[in-house]
C-alpha atoms as a PDB file:
ATOM      1  CA  MET A   1      -4.484  -6.953 -11.382  1.00  0.00           C
ATOM      2  CA  ASN A   2      -3.062  -9.306  -8.854  1.00  0.00           C
ATOM      3  CA  ALA A   3       0.638  -9.649  -9.542  1.00  0.00           C
ATOM      4  CA  PRO A   4       2.889 -11.964  -7.576  1.00  0.00           C
ATOM      5  CA  LEU A   5       4.132 -10.141  -4.541  1.00  0.00           C
ATOM      6  CA  ASN A   6       7.682  -8.843  -4.815  1.00  0.00           C
ATOM      7  CA  GLN A   7       9.892 -11.234  -2.846  1.00  0.00           C
ATOM      8  CA  ALA A   8      11.676  -8.278  -1.249  1.00  0.00           C
ATOM      9  CA  PHE A   9       8.449  -7.090   0.397  1.00  0.00           C
ATOM     10  CA  SER A  10       8.621  -6.704   4.131  1.00  0.00           C
ATOM     11  CA  PRO A  11       6.433  -4.547   6.344  1.00  0.00           C
ATOM     12  CA  VAL A  12       7.969  -1.302   7.557  1.00  0.00           C
ATOM     13  CA  GLN A  13       6.854   0.071  10.898  1.00  0.00           C
ATOM     14  CA  ALA A  14       6.586   3.762  11.644  1.00  0.00           C
ATOM     15  CA  ASP A  15       8.096   4.846  14.935  1.00  0.00           C
ATOM     16  CA  GLU A  16       5.372   7.300  15.952  1.00  0.00           C
ATOM     17  CA  SER A  17       7.522   8.505  18.821  1.00  0.00           C
ATOM     18  CA  ARG A  18       9.965   9.858  16.203  1.00  0.00           C
ATOM     19  CA  PRO A  19       8.236  12.231  13.760  1.00  0.00           C
ATOM     20  CA  VAL A  20      10.480  13.622  11.057  1.00  0.00           C
ATOM     21  CA  ASP A  21      11.830  17.155  11.467  1.00  0.00           C
ATOM     22  CA  VAL A  22      10.089  20.160   9.918  1.00  0.00           C
ATOM     23  CA  SER A  23      12.419  20.297   6.909  1.00  0.00           C
ATOM     24  CA  LEU A  24      11.846  16.633   6.005  1.00  0.00           C
ATOM     25  CA  HIS A  25       8.099  16.965   6.637  1.00  0.00           C
ATOM     26  CA  HIS A  26       8.052  19.850   4.161  1.00  0.00           C
ATOM     27  CA  GLU A  27       9.882  17.673   1.612  1.00  0.00           C
ATOM     28  CA  VAL A  28       7.346  14.849   2.151  1.00  0.00           C
ATOM     29  CA  SER A  29       4.442  17.292   1.742  1.00  0.00           C
ATOM     30  CA  GLN A  30       5.945  18.650  -1.468  1.00  0.00           C
ATOM     31  CA  PHE A  31       6.301  15.063  -2.732  1.00  0.00           C
ATOM     32  CA  TYR A  32       2.558  14.497  -2.251  1.00  0.00           C
ATOM     33  CA  PHE A  33       1.590  17.849  -3.734  1.00  0.00           C
ATOM     34  CA  ARG A  34       3.688  17.152  -6.857  1.00  0.00           C
ATOM     35  CA  GLU A  35       2.213  13.664  -7.122  1.00  0.00           C
ATOM     36  CA  ALA A  36      -1.298  15.161  -7.005  1.00  0.00           C
ATOM     37  CA  ARG A  37      -0.395  17.744  -9.648  1.00  0.00           C
ATOM     38  CA  LEU A  38       0.923  15.058 -12.006  1.00  0.00           C
ATOM     39  CA  GLN A  39      -2.218  12.970 -11.515  1.00  0.00           C
ATOM     40  CA  ASN A  40      -4.465  16.022 -11.984  1.00  0.00           C
ATOM     41  CA  GLY A  41      -2.592  16.758 -15.212  1.00  0.00           C
ATOM     42  CA  ARG A  42      -2.896  13.179 -16.497  1.00  0.00           C
ATOM     43  CA  GLN A  43       0.849  12.581 -16.460  1.00  0.00           C
ATOM     44  CA  PRO A  44       1.086   9.018 -15.096  1.00  0.00           C
ATOM     45  CA  ARG A  45       4.249   8.182 -17.073  1.00  0.00           C
ATOM     46  CA  LEU A  46       6.137  11.105 -15.517  1.00  0.00           C
ATOM     47  CA  TRP A  47       4.752  10.104 -12.090  1.00  0.00           C
ATOM     48  CA  LEU A  48       5.976   6.533 -12.520  1.00  0.00           C
ATOM     49  CA  GLU A  49       9.411   7.379 -13.842  1.00  0.00           C
ATOM     50  CA  SER A  50      10.217  10.276 -11.517  1.00  0.00           C
ATOM     51  CA  MET A  51       8.381   9.433  -8.285  1.00  0.00           C
ATOM     52  CA  VAL A  52       8.058   5.645  -7.994  1.00  0.00           C
ATOM     53  CA  ASP A  53      10.785   3.310  -6.757  1.00  0.00           C
ATOM     54  CA  PRO A  54      11.580   0.330  -9.041  1.00  0.00           C
ATOM     55  CA  ASP A  55      10.863  -1.998  -6.078  1.00  0.00           C
ATOM     56  CA  VAL A  56       7.429  -0.482  -5.360  1.00  0.00           C
ATOM     57  CA  HIS A  57       4.537  -2.460  -3.929  1.00  0.00           C
ATOM     58  CA  TYR A  58       1.239  -0.695  -4.711  1.00  0.00           C
ATOM     59  CA  TRP A  59      -1.623  -2.332  -2.827  1.00  0.00           C
ATOM     60  CA  LEU A  60      -5.373  -1.787  -2.534  1.00  0.00           C
ATOM     61  CA  PRO A  61      -6.644  -4.614  -0.331  1.00  0.00           C
ATOM     62  CA  ILE A  62     -10.225  -5.805  -0.311  1.00  0.00           C
ATOM     63  CA  LEU A  63     -11.652  -4.871   3.075  1.00  0.00           C
ATOM     64  CA  GLU A  64     -14.683  -6.454   4.701  1.00  0.00           C
ATOM     65  CA  ASP A  65     -17.269  -4.848   6.950  1.00  0.00           C
ATOM     66  CA  ARG A  66     -17.104  -6.951  10.108  1.00  0.00           C
ATOM     67  CA  PHE A  67     -18.897  -7.013  13.412  1.00  0.00           C
ATOM     68  CA  ALA A  68     -16.803  -5.827  16.367  1.00  0.00           C
ATOM     69  CA  LYS A  69     -16.551  -9.353  17.775  1.00  0.00           C
ATOM     70  CA  ASP A  70     -15.112 -10.715  14.494  1.00  0.00           C
ATOM     71  CA  GLN A  71     -11.398 -10.797  15.302  1.00  0.00           C
ATOM     72  CA  ARG A  72     -10.041 -12.245  12.059  1.00  0.00           C
ATOM     73  CA  PRO A  73      -6.751 -10.640  11.029  1.00  0.00           C
ATOM     74  CA  ALA A  74      -6.561  -7.817   8.499  1.00  0.00           C
ATOM     75  CA  PRO A  75      -5.855  -8.792   4.883  1.00  0.00           C
ATOM     76  CA  THR A  76      -2.286  -9.424   3.780  1.00  0.00           C
ATOM     77  CA  PRO A  77      -0.650  -8.860   0.380  1.00  0.00           C
ATOM     78  CA  ASP A  78      -0.907 -12.623  -0.248  1.00  0.00           C
ATOM     79  CA  GLU A  79      -4.718 -12.423  -0.418  1.00  0.00           C
ATOM     80  CA  PRO A  80      -6.891 -11.179  -3.316  1.00  0.00           C
ATOM     81  CA  ALA A  81      -6.778  -7.414  -3.804  1.00  0.00           C
ATOM     82  CA  VAL A  82      -8.030  -4.754  -6.193  1.00  0.00           C
ATOM     83  CA  TYR A  83      -4.406  -3.736  -6.825  1.00  0.00           C
ATOM     84  CA  ASN A  84      -1.380  -5.746  -5.781  1.00  0.00           C
ATOM     85  CA  ASP A  85       1.050  -4.213  -8.219  1.00  0.00           C
ATOM     86  CA  SER A  86       4.751  -4.054  -8.877  1.00  0.00           C
ATOM     87  CA  TYR A  87       6.528  -1.399 -10.942  1.00  0.00           C
ATOM     88  CA  GLN A  88       6.019  -3.529 -14.053  1.00  0.00           C
ATOM     89  CA  ASP A  89       2.264  -3.793 -13.384  1.00  0.00           C
ATOM     90  CA  LEU A  90       1.992  -0.007 -13.034  1.00  0.00           C
ATOM     91  CA  ASP A  91       4.031   0.431 -16.207  1.00  0.00           C
ATOM     92  CA  ASN A  92       1.706  -1.962 -18.068  1.00  0.00           C
ATOM     93  CA  ARG A  93      -1.392  -0.053 -16.943  1.00  0.00           C
ATOM     94  CA  ILE A  94       0.137   3.236 -18.077  1.00  0.00           C
ATOM     95  CA  ALA A  95       1.197   1.711 -21.407  1.00  0.00           C
ATOM     96  CA  ARG A  96      -2.403   0.583 -21.948  1.00  0.00           C
ATOM     97  CA  LEU A  97      -3.642   4.117 -21.235  1.00  0.00           C
ATOM     98  CA  GLU A  98      -1.102   5.477 -23.723  1.00  0.00           C
ATOM     99  CA  THR A  99      -2.567   3.336 -26.540  1.00  0.00           C
ATOM    100  CA  GLY A 100      -5.690   5.516 -26.569  1.00  0.00           C
ATOM    101  CA  LEU A 101      -7.828   2.348 -26.562  1.00  0.00           C
ATOM    102  CA  VAL A 102      -9.120   2.621 -22.992  1.00  0.00           C
ATOM    103  CA  TRP A 103     -12.667   3.638 -23.938  1.00  0.00           C
ATOM    104  CA  MET A 104     -13.572   4.581 -20.350  1.00  0.00           C
ATOM    105  CA  GLU A 105     -10.908   7.274 -20.587  1.00  0.00           C
ATOM    106  CA  ASP A 106     -11.778   8.657 -24.029  1.00  0.00           C
ATOM    107  CA  PRO A 107     -12.439  11.492 -23.573  1.00  0.00           C
ATOM    108  CA  PRO A 108     -10.273  11.537 -20.464  1.00  0.00           C
ATOM    109  CA  SER A 109     -11.768  12.059 -17.036  1.00  0.00           C
ATOM    110  CA  ARG A 110     -11.100  15.299 -15.262  1.00  0.00           C
ATOM    111  CA  VAL A 111      -9.685  14.530 -11.844  1.00  0.00           C
ATOM    112  CA  ARG A 112      -8.688  16.544  -8.809  1.00  0.00           C
ATOM    113  CA  PHE A 113      -6.571  15.018  -6.052  1.00  0.00           C
ATOM    114  CA  LEU A 114      -6.643  16.693  -2.638  1.00  0.00           C
ATOM    115  CA  VAL A 115      -4.083  15.444  -0.111  1.00  0.00           C
ATOM    116  CA  THR A 116      -4.440  16.298   3.590  1.00  0.00           C
ATOM    117  CA  ASN A 117      -3.395  15.301   7.098  1.00  0.00           C
ATOM    118  CA  ILE A 118       0.144  14.336   6.133  1.00  0.00           C
ATOM    119  CA  GLU A 119       2.116  12.630   8.888  1.00  0.00           C
ATOM    120  CA  ALA A 120       5.696  11.396   8.507  1.00  0.00           C
ATOM    121  CA  TYR A 121       7.751   9.240  10.857  1.00  0.00           C
ATOM    122  CA  GLN A 122      11.200   7.753  11.100  1.00  0.00           C
ATOM    123  CA  THR A 123      11.568   3.981  10.762  1.00  0.00           C
ATOM    124  CA  THR A 124      14.216   1.534  11.882  1.00  0.00           C
ATOM    125  CA  GLN A 125      15.812   1.925   8.419  1.00  0.00           C
ATOM    126  CA  ASP A 126      17.442   5.308   7.851  1.00  0.00           C
ATOM    127  CA  ASP A 127      16.546   5.480   4.150  1.00  0.00           C
ATOM    128  CA  LEU A 128      12.805   4.822   4.710  1.00  0.00           C
ATOM    129  CA  ILE A 129      10.115   7.247   5.888  1.00  0.00           C
ATOM    130  CA  ALA A 130       6.680   5.985   6.935  1.00  0.00           C
ATOM    131  CA  THR A 131       3.842   8.337   6.044  1.00  0.00           C
ATOM    132  CA  TYR A 132       0.087   8.588   6.431  1.00  0.00           C
ATOM    133  CA  CYS A 133      -2.252  10.922   4.615  1.00  0.00           C
ATOM    134  CA  ASN A 134      -5.876  11.327   3.591  1.00  0.00           C
ATOM    135  CA  VAL A 135      -6.914  11.806  -0.019  1.00  0.00           C
ATOM    136  CA  HIS A 136     -10.058  12.938  -1.805  1.00  0.00           C
ATOM    137  CA  VAL A 137     -10.250  12.293  -5.538  1.00  0.00           C
ATOM    138  CA  TYR A 138     -13.031  13.983  -7.468  1.00  0.00           C
ATOM    139  CA  ARG A 139     -13.520  12.475 -10.912  1.00  0.00           C
ATOM    140  CA  ASN A 140     -15.788  13.923 -13.613  1.00  0.00           C
ATOM    141  CA  ARG A 141     -16.416  12.532 -17.065  1.00  0.00           C
ATOM    142  CA  ARG A 142     -18.782  13.655 -19.769  1.00  0.00           C
ATOM    143  CA  GLN A 143     -21.632  15.806 -18.507  1.00  0.00           C
ATOM    144  CA  ARG A 144     -23.001  13.936 -15.518  1.00  0.00           C
ATOM    145  CA  GLU A 145     -20.607  11.188 -14.535  1.00  0.00           C
ATOM    146  CA  GLU A 146     -19.112  12.073 -11.162  1.00  0.00           C
ATOM    147  CA  ALA A 147     -17.306  10.042  -8.550  1.00  0.00           C
ATOM    148  CA  ASN A 148     -15.770  10.916  -5.205  1.00  0.00           C
ATOM    149  CA  HIS A 149     -13.225   8.669  -3.560  1.00  0.00           C
ATOM    150  CA  PHE A 150     -12.124   9.232   0.017  1.00  0.00           C
ATOM    151  CA  TYR A 151      -9.318   7.100   1.334  1.00  0.00           C
ATOM    152  CA  GLY A 152      -6.235   6.897   3.466  1.00  0.00           C
ATOM    153  CA  ARG A 153      -2.746   6.060   2.357  1.00  0.00           C
ATOM    154  CA  GLU A 154      -0.147   4.232   4.395  1.00  0.00           C
ATOM    155  CA  ASP A 155       3.038   4.801   2.436  1.00  0.00           C
ATOM    156  CA  VAL A 156       6.743   4.241   2.767  1.00  0.00           C
ATOM    157  CA  LEU A 157       9.003   6.635   0.901  1.00  0.00           C
ATOM    158  CA  ARG A 158      12.612   5.874   0.034  1.00  0.00           C
ATOM    159  CA  ARG A 159      15.375   8.136  -1.235  1.00  0.00           C
ATOM    160  CA  GLY A 160      16.332   7.319  -4.798  1.00  0.00           C
ATOM    161  CA  PRO A 161      19.866   7.422  -6.188  1.00  0.00           C
ATOM    162  CA  ASP A 162      19.160  10.991  -7.345  1.00  0.00           C
ATOM    163  CA  GLY A 163      18.487  12.024  -3.709  1.00  0.00           C
ATOM    164  CA  ARG A 164      14.745  12.531  -4.313  1.00  0.00           C
ATOM    165  CA  LEU A 165      12.008  10.774  -2.414  1.00  0.00           C
ATOM    166  CA  ARG A 166      10.264   7.933  -4.226  1.00  0.00           C
ATOM    167  CA  LEU A 167       7.197   5.846  -3.463  1.00  0.00           C
ATOM    168  CA  PHE A 168       8.397   2.474  -2.144  1.00  0.00           C
ATOM    169  CA  ARG A 169       5.221   1.019  -0.547  1.00  0.00           C
ATOM    170  CA  ARG A 170       1.602   2.146  -0.801  1.00  0.00           C
ATOM    171  CA  LYS A 171      -1.388   0.671   0.985  1.00  0.00           C
ATOM    172  CA  ILE A 172      -4.666   2.320  -0.039  1.00  0.00           C
ATOM    173  CA  VAL A 173      -7.554   2.086   2.425  1.00  0.00           C
ATOM    174  CA  LEU A 174     -10.781   3.110   0.674  1.00  0.00           C
ATOM    175  CA  ASP A 175     -13.611   4.321   2.880  1.00  0.00           C
ATOM    176  CA  GLN A 176     -16.170   2.639   0.620  1.00  0.00           C
ATOM    177  CA  ARG A 177     -16.888  -1.064   0.981  1.00  0.00           C
ATOM    178  CA  VAL A 178     -18.281  -1.160  -2.574  1.00  0.00           C
ATOM    179  CA  VAL A 179     -16.807   1.194  -5.155  1.00  0.00           C
ATOM    180  CA  LEU A 180     -19.676   2.857  -7.006  1.00  0.00           C
ATOM    181  CA  ASP A 181     -17.467   4.338  -9.739  1.00  0.00           C
ATOM    182  CA  LYS A 182     -17.624   2.766 -13.213  1.00  0.00           C
ATOM    183  CA  ASN A 183     -13.874   2.236 -13.198  1.00  0.00           C
ATOM    184  CA  LEU A 184     -10.785   2.875 -11.115  1.00  0.00           C
ATOM    185  CA  TYR A 185      -8.517   3.922 -13.952  1.00  0.00           C
ATOM    186  CA  VAL A 186      -6.772   6.484 -11.767  1.00  0.00           C
ATOM    187  CA  PHE A 187      -3.675   5.894  -9.704  1.00  0.00           C
ATOM    188  CA  LEU A 188      -4.874   6.310  -6.156  1.00  0.00           C
END
């Protein structure tokens, strides 16, 4: 699902010399724990509408295994990706799930999201928080179909008009070069 990149996209740099205070770190952690609970409970519509910014960029780049001497730059959002989604793309994927016609999710997978190693930093923009975390998703379907996904997230959170944190940018860095799962119909 490679959507045209949102014109408003611009990279946001974490200032690692300025971690957020304990109160804000707790709020960030609670954001991720709620997100995991909604995904575990198969509530993607509630996740989208209550936790995702309308200007979101949700990106899972294709990474290559390279030799140490290969100094080509890292992928950019302008290159092919597994996900390169806007809010509308996420909404379309959820709407498709809601039709009940996604045969790979009937019966639905059982999933468990575990979020760890949460870091949160100030940025040059007061309303943006740069975060890093590690995630393990265990997915089970039918009797013997199992998949484990380990990955890192490089996110930017932004305060919505309601004062709550919302996902503004997400870069997903899978630890697998080749995904062995039959599908990725989960929101990583």
